[in-house]
N, C-alpha and C. Protein backbone atom coordinates (compact mmCIF):
# COMPACT_ATOMS: atom_id res chain seq x y z
N UNK A 1 136.93 189.23 148.51
CA UNK A 1 136.98 187.82 148.86
C UNK A 1 136.88 187.00 147.58
N UNK A 2 137.74 186.00 147.43
CA UNK A 2 137.71 185.18 146.23
C UNK A 2 136.47 184.29 146.22
N UNK A 3 136.16 183.77 145.06
CA UNK A 3 134.99 182.90 144.92
C UNK A 3 135.12 181.66 145.82
N UNK A 4 136.33 181.09 145.89
CA UNK A 4 136.55 179.92 146.74
C UNK A 4 136.35 180.28 148.21
N UNK A 5 136.89 181.40 148.64
CA UNK A 5 136.73 181.82 150.04
C UNK A 5 135.27 182.08 150.37
N UNK A 6 134.52 182.63 149.43
CA UNK A 6 133.09 182.86 149.65
C UNK A 6 132.35 181.54 149.82
N UNK A 7 132.68 180.56 148.99
CA UNK A 7 132.03 179.25 149.10
C UNK A 7 132.37 178.58 150.42
N UNK A 8 133.63 178.69 150.84
CA UNK A 8 134.04 178.09 152.12
C UNK A 8 133.34 178.78 153.28
N UNK A 9 133.23 180.10 153.23
CA UNK A 9 132.56 180.84 154.29
C UNK A 9 131.09 180.44 154.37
N UNK A 10 130.45 180.29 153.23
CA UNK A 10 129.05 179.90 153.18
C UNK A 10 128.85 178.48 153.73
N UNK A 11 129.80 177.60 153.48
CA UNK A 11 129.68 176.21 153.93
C UNK A 11 129.62 176.11 155.45
N UNK A 12 130.24 177.05 156.16
CA UNK A 12 130.31 176.98 157.62
C UNK A 12 129.33 177.91 158.31
N UNK A 13 128.44 178.56 157.56
CA UNK A 13 127.43 179.43 158.17
C UNK A 13 126.58 178.63 159.14
N UNK A 14 126.28 179.22 160.29
CA UNK A 14 125.44 178.55 161.27
C UNK A 14 126.21 177.77 162.32
N UNK A 15 127.51 177.57 162.10
CA UNK A 15 128.34 176.87 163.08
C UNK A 15 128.99 177.88 164.01
N UNK A 16 129.16 177.50 165.28
CA UNK A 16 129.84 178.34 166.24
C UNK A 16 131.33 178.33 165.92
N UNK A 17 131.93 179.52 165.90
CA UNK A 17 133.36 179.63 165.57
C UNK A 17 134.21 179.06 166.68
N UNK A 18 135.42 178.64 166.32
CA UNK A 18 136.34 178.10 167.32
C UNK A 18 137.68 177.74 166.73
N UNK A 19 138.51 177.08 167.54
CA UNK A 19 139.84 176.65 167.11
C UNK A 19 139.78 175.74 165.89
N UNK A 20 138.68 175.00 165.75
CA UNK A 20 138.53 174.04 164.65
C UNK A 20 138.63 174.71 163.28
N UNK A 21 138.44 176.03 163.22
CA UNK A 21 138.50 176.72 161.93
C UNK A 21 139.94 176.89 161.44
N UNK A 22 140.90 176.84 162.35
CA UNK A 22 142.29 177.10 161.98
C UNK A 22 143.22 175.91 162.17
N UNK A 23 142.71 174.85 162.72
CA UNK A 23 143.50 173.65 162.95
C UNK A 23 142.58 172.44 162.98
N UNK A 24 143.16 171.25 162.87
CA UNK A 24 142.35 170.04 162.97
C UNK A 24 142.04 169.85 164.46
N UNK A 25 140.80 170.12 164.82
CA UNK A 25 140.39 170.06 166.22
C UNK A 25 138.94 169.59 166.28
N UNK A 26 138.75 168.30 166.11
CA UNK A 26 137.41 167.73 166.06
C UNK A 26 136.69 167.92 167.39
N UNK A 27 137.41 167.76 168.49
CA UNK A 27 136.79 167.93 169.81
C UNK A 27 136.21 169.33 169.97
N UNK A 28 136.96 170.35 169.57
CA UNK A 28 136.48 171.72 169.67
C UNK A 28 135.24 171.92 168.82
N UNK A 29 135.25 171.38 167.59
CA UNK A 29 134.09 171.50 166.71
C UNK A 29 132.86 170.88 167.34
N UNK A 30 133.00 169.66 167.85
CA UNK A 30 131.86 168.96 168.44
C UNK A 30 131.38 169.67 169.70
N UNK A 31 132.30 170.07 170.56
CA UNK A 31 131.92 170.75 171.80
C UNK A 31 131.14 172.02 171.53
N UNK A 32 131.50 172.74 170.48
CA UNK A 32 130.86 174.02 170.18
C UNK A 32 129.59 173.88 169.34
N UNK A 33 129.43 172.78 168.64
CA UNK A 33 128.33 172.68 167.67
C UNK A 33 127.37 171.51 167.88
N UNK A 34 127.58 170.72 168.89
CA UNK A 34 126.72 169.56 169.15
C UNK A 34 125.44 169.99 169.85
N UNK A 35 124.32 169.47 169.38
CA UNK A 35 123.03 169.69 170.02
C UNK A 35 122.38 168.33 170.23
N UNK A 36 122.10 167.95 171.47
CA UNK A 36 121.49 166.64 171.70
C UNK A 36 120.10 166.54 171.08
N UNK A 37 119.76 165.36 170.59
CA UNK A 37 118.43 165.12 170.03
C UNK A 37 117.49 164.79 171.18
N UNK A 38 116.41 165.54 171.30
CA UNK A 38 115.47 165.38 172.41
C UNK A 38 114.20 164.63 172.01
N UNK A 39 114.09 164.23 170.74
CA UNK A 39 112.88 163.58 170.27
C UNK A 39 112.88 162.08 170.52
N UNK A 40 111.96 161.39 169.84
CA UNK A 40 111.86 159.94 169.98
C UNK A 40 112.28 159.26 168.68
N UNK A 41 112.03 157.96 168.61
CA UNK A 41 112.47 157.18 167.45
C UNK A 41 111.51 157.22 166.27
N UNK A 42 110.47 158.03 166.33
CA UNK A 42 109.44 158.03 165.28
C UNK A 42 109.97 158.43 163.90
N UNK A 43 111.13 159.08 163.84
CA UNK A 43 111.68 159.47 162.54
C UNK A 43 112.37 158.31 161.83
N UNK A 44 112.61 157.21 162.53
CA UNK A 44 113.32 156.08 161.95
C UNK A 44 112.42 155.25 161.05
N UNK A 45 113.00 154.74 159.97
CA UNK A 45 112.27 153.84 159.08
C UNK A 45 112.35 152.43 159.65
N UNK A 46 111.41 151.61 159.27
CA UNK A 46 111.43 150.22 159.71
C UNK A 46 112.54 149.44 159.02
N UNK A 47 112.78 148.24 159.49
CA UNK A 47 113.81 147.38 158.90
C UNK A 47 113.41 146.98 157.49
N UNK A 48 114.38 146.88 156.60
CA UNK A 48 114.11 146.42 155.24
C UNK A 48 113.91 144.91 155.25
N UNK A 49 113.41 144.39 154.16
CA UNK A 49 113.21 142.94 154.05
C UNK A 49 114.55 142.21 154.19
N UNK A 50 115.60 142.78 153.61
CA UNK A 50 116.93 142.16 153.70
C UNK A 50 117.41 142.11 155.15
N UNK A 51 117.18 143.15 155.89
CA UNK A 51 117.58 143.18 157.30
C UNK A 51 116.78 142.17 158.11
N UNK A 52 115.49 142.13 157.89
CA UNK A 52 114.63 141.18 158.60
C UNK A 52 115.07 139.74 158.31
N UNK A 53 115.39 139.44 157.05
CA UNK A 53 115.86 138.11 156.67
C UNK A 53 117.17 137.79 157.39
N UNK A 54 118.07 138.75 157.43
CA UNK A 54 119.35 138.55 158.11
C UNK A 54 119.15 138.27 159.59
N UNK A 55 118.25 138.98 160.22
CA UNK A 55 118.00 138.80 161.66
C UNK A 55 117.44 137.42 161.98
N UNK A 56 116.74 136.80 161.01
CA UNK A 56 116.15 135.48 161.27
C UNK A 56 117.18 134.36 161.15
N UNK A 57 118.34 134.64 160.62
CA UNK A 57 119.39 133.61 160.45
C UNK A 57 120.12 133.36 161.74
């Protein structure tokens, strides 16, 4: 396997294989690899000062 092919193979490790590997098929990629987030919003950062200022306008 060439160095480029090894890098490409490594980049997709952990993804479920599908049609998306051989053609442009975004739907197939998402359907096979999407996992819904079950948590809450606690990971989000608060609004920046610039955002808060914008919201007051």
